[in-house]
């Protein structure tokens, strides 16, 4: 499994995202519901040492930050990952670059290439392995509401091996 450092949203934003997850699940589309918590991954590697949490505490002090969750995205080719764009702002991109840089001494091996600043696509995953035949339905459900205005309120380190979250800051 992988480890990651992730952004967390305010309760209202989480609730809207969970509602989308539930609607996808009700339409027999493999959504993130009921497991997990809505988040946006900043960096990801096979292992992130827990000591990274200490150096990330200052970054956690930057929150809350306003955010907008916008367009629907599809990653992959055949059975894709359905997501919503976390609209990138200069401040958000700076947070991501700082988290990536601060975590480098604590990751093993190096972070995944798609998490490098300049290669990162900020997003919130809604569903995985969406079959092409279900894509039109998934897009219709995932795109409502058209925009979600919310706040980023914190950071967590996710330990995918133990399936545990560790709040930072």
Protein backbone atom coordinates (compact mmCIF):
# COMPACT_ATOMS: atom_id res chain seq x y z
CA UNK A 1 0.00 0.00 0.00
CA UNK A 2 1.02 3.62 -0.24
CA UNK A 3 1.46 6.44 2.21
CA UNK A 4 0.42 10.01 1.46
CA UNK A 5 0.02 13.50 2.83
CA UNK A 6 -3.43 14.89 2.12
CA UNK A 7 -5.55 18.01 2.41
CA UNK A 8 -8.76 17.76 4.43
CA UNK A 9 -11.96 19.76 3.91
CA UNK A 10 -14.45 21.43 6.21
CA UNK A 11 -17.51 19.38 7.24
CA UNK A 12 -19.88 21.03 4.73
CA UNK A 13 -17.53 20.34 1.81
CA UNK A 14 -17.03 16.76 3.01
CA UNK A 15 -20.80 16.34 3.17
CA UNK A 16 -21.31 17.47 -0.44
CA UNK A 17 -18.57 15.10 -1.65
CA UNK A 18 -19.98 12.23 0.38
CA UNK A 19 -23.37 12.95 -1.21
CA UNK A 20 -21.80 12.54 -4.66
CA UNK A 21 -20.15 9.30 -3.51
CA UNK A 22 -23.51 8.00 -2.27
CA UNK A 23 -25.28 8.93 -5.52
CA UNK A 24 -22.62 7.15 -7.56
CA UNK A 25 -22.89 4.07 -5.35
CA UNK A 26 -26.68 4.11 -5.65
CA UNK A 27 -26.23 4.10 -9.46
CA UNK A 28 -24.00 0.99 -9.18
CA UNK A 29 -20.83 2.92 -9.93
CA UNK A 30 -17.88 1.91 -7.72
CA UNK A 31 -17.57 5.09 -5.67
CA UNK A 32 -15.35 5.86 -2.71
CA UNK A 33 -18.34 5.37 -0.37
CA UNK A 34 -18.57 4.25 2.34
CA UNK A 35 -14.85 3.93 3.10
CA UNK A 36 -12.47 6.84 3.27
CA UNK A 37 -12.67 10.52 3.84
CA UNK A 38 -12.83 13.19 1.15
CA UNK A 39 -9.34 14.56 0.58
CA UNK A 40 -6.84 15.78 -2.00
CA UNK A 41 -3.45 14.05 -2.04
CA UNK A 42 -0.40 16.34 -1.99
CA UNK A 43 2.37 13.74 -2.13
CA UNK A 44 2.44 9.96 -2.22
CA UNK A 45 5.12 7.28 -1.87
CA UNK A 46 5.45 3.65 -0.84
CA UNK A 47 6.42 4.82 2.64
CA UNK A 48 6.42 8.17 4.46
CA UNK A 49 8.10 8.12 7.84
CA UNK A 50 5.90 9.45 10.68
CA UNK A 51 8.67 11.98 11.50
CA UNK A 52 7.47 13.95 8.45
CA UNK A 53 4.54 15.10 10.57
CA UNK A 54 6.88 17.23 12.69
CA UNK A 55 8.22 19.23 9.75
CA UNK A 56 4.73 19.63 8.28
CA UNK A 57 3.25 21.28 11.39
CA UNK A 58 4.07 24.78 10.10
CA UNK A 59 2.29 24.04 6.81
CA UNK A 60 -0.79 22.95 8.77
CA UNK A 61 -0.77 26.40 10.39
CA UNK A 62 -1.70 27.97 7.02
CA UNK A 63 -5.25 26.63 7.19
CA UNK A 64 -8.09 27.30 6.71
CA UNK A 65 -7.79 28.19 3.03
CA UNK A 66 -10.74 28.81 0.74
CA UNK A 67 -11.12 26.30 -2.09
CA UNK A 68 -13.29 25.56 -5.06
CA UNK A 69 -13.98 22.10 -6.39
CA UNK A 70 -14.84 22.38 -10.05
CA UNK A 71 -14.73 20.39 -13.28
CA UNK A 72 -15.13 16.64 -13.49
CA UNK A 73 -11.99 14.76 -14.55
CA UNK A 74 -11.30 11.26 -15.82
CA UNK A 75 -7.87 9.69 -15.33
CA UNK A 76 -6.92 6.52 -17.19
CA UNK A 77 -8.01 4.83 -20.37
CA UNK A 78 -10.41 1.92 -20.10
CA UNK A 79 -11.83 1.72 -16.58
CA UNK A 80 -11.02 5.21 -15.37
CA UNK A 81 -10.78 7.14 -12.15
CA UNK A 82 -13.50 9.75 -11.81
CA UNK A 83 -12.55 12.90 -9.91
CA UNK A 84 -13.34 16.58 -9.44
CA UNK A 85 -10.70 19.25 -9.95
CA UNK A 86 -9.56 21.12 -6.86
CA UNK A 87 -9.12 24.47 -8.61
CA UNK A 88 -5.42 25.35 -8.33
CA UNK A 89 -4.54 28.72 -6.83
CA UNK A 90 -1.07 30.13 -6.27
CA UNK A 91 -1.47 29.45 -2.54
CA UNK A 92 -2.58 25.85 -3.10
CA UNK A 93 0.31 25.16 -5.48
CA UNK A 94 2.72 26.65 -2.94
CA UNK A 95 1.35 24.40 -0.18
CA UNK A 96 1.75 21.34 -2.41
CA UNK A 97 5.32 22.25 -3.38
CA UNK A 98 6.26 22.87 0.26
CA UNK A 99 4.76 19.55 1.42
CA UNK A 100 6.54 17.70 -1.38
CA UNK A 101 9.89 19.35 -0.55
CA UNK A 102 9.57 18.90 3.22
CA UNK A 103 8.64 15.22 2.87
CA UNK A 104 11.54 14.27 0.57
CA UNK A 105 13.90 13.22 3.40
CA UNK A 106 11.13 11.03 4.88
CA UNK A 107 9.96 9.08 1.84
CA UNK A 108 11.24 5.73 0.63
CA UNK A 109 11.59 5.33 -2.26
CA UNK A 110 11.08 8.70 -3.98
CA UNK A 111 7.57 10.14 -4.28
CA UNK A 112 5.45 9.08 -7.23
CA UNK A 113 6.22 11.25 -10.29
CA UNK A 114 2.66 12.59 -10.58
CA UNK A 115 3.12 14.23 -7.16
CA UNK A 116 6.09 16.36 -8.24
CA UNK A 117 5.39 20.09 -8.27
CA UNK A 118 4.53 20.98 -11.85
CA UNK A 119 3.14 17.47 -12.50
CA UNK A 120 0.51 17.45 -9.75
CA UNK A 121 -3.18 17.66 -10.66
CA UNK A 122 -5.15 18.72 -7.57
CA UNK A 123 -8.30 16.62 -7.38
CA UNK A 124 -10.77 14.78 -5.18
CA UNK A 125 -11.37 11.16 -6.23
CA UNK A 126 -15.01 10.16 -6.55
CA UNK A 127 -14.90 6.67 -8.10
CA UNK A 128 -12.42 4.12 -9.40
CA UNK A 129 -12.68 1.59 -12.21
CA UNK A 130 -15.59 3.30 -13.94
CA UNK A 131 -16.47 1.15 -16.94
CA UNK A 132 -16.87 3.00 -20.25
CA UNK A 133 -20.51 1.92 -20.44
CA UNK A 134 -21.21 3.68 -17.12
CA UNK A 135 -19.26 6.83 -17.89
CA UNK A 136 -22.16 9.03 -19.09
CA UNK A 137 -24.15 8.28 -15.94
CA UNK A 138 -21.10 8.78 -13.74
CA UNK A 139 -20.33 12.15 -15.33
CA UNK A 140 -23.91 13.34 -14.91
CA UNK A 141 -23.89 12.46 -11.22
CA UNK A 142 -20.35 13.66 -10.48
CA UNK A 143 -20.89 17.07 -12.06
CA UNK A 144 -23.57 18.17 -9.60
CA UNK A 145 -23.27 20.69 -8.13
CA UNK A 146 -21.20 22.39 -10.83
CA UNK A 147 -18.97 24.04 -8.24
CA UNK A 148 -18.38 23.39 -4.56
CA UNK A 149 -17.10 26.35 -2.55
CA UNK A 150 -15.46 25.27 0.67
CA UNK A 151 -12.41 25.36 2.86
CA UNK A 152 -9.28 23.31 3.30
CA UNK A 153 -8.97 22.93 7.05
CA UNK A 154 -6.06 20.58 7.64
CA UNK A 155 -3.50 17.98 6.71
CA UNK A 156 -3.19 14.31 7.45
CA UNK A 157 -0.63 11.62 6.80
CA UNK A 158 -2.32 8.49 5.52
CA UNK A 159 -0.66 5.15 6.33
CA UNK A 160 -2.08 2.85 3.66
CA UNK A 161 -0.46 -0.22 5.22
CA UNK A 162 -2.37 0.18 8.48
CA UNK A 163 -5.24 2.17 6.94
CA UNK A 164 -4.76 4.86 9.57
CA UNK A 165 -4.96 8.62 9.38
CA UNK A 166 -2.65 10.82 11.42
CA UNK A 167 -3.77 14.44 11.72
CA UNK A 168 -0.96 16.98 11.39
CA UNK A 169 -0.69 20.19 13.36
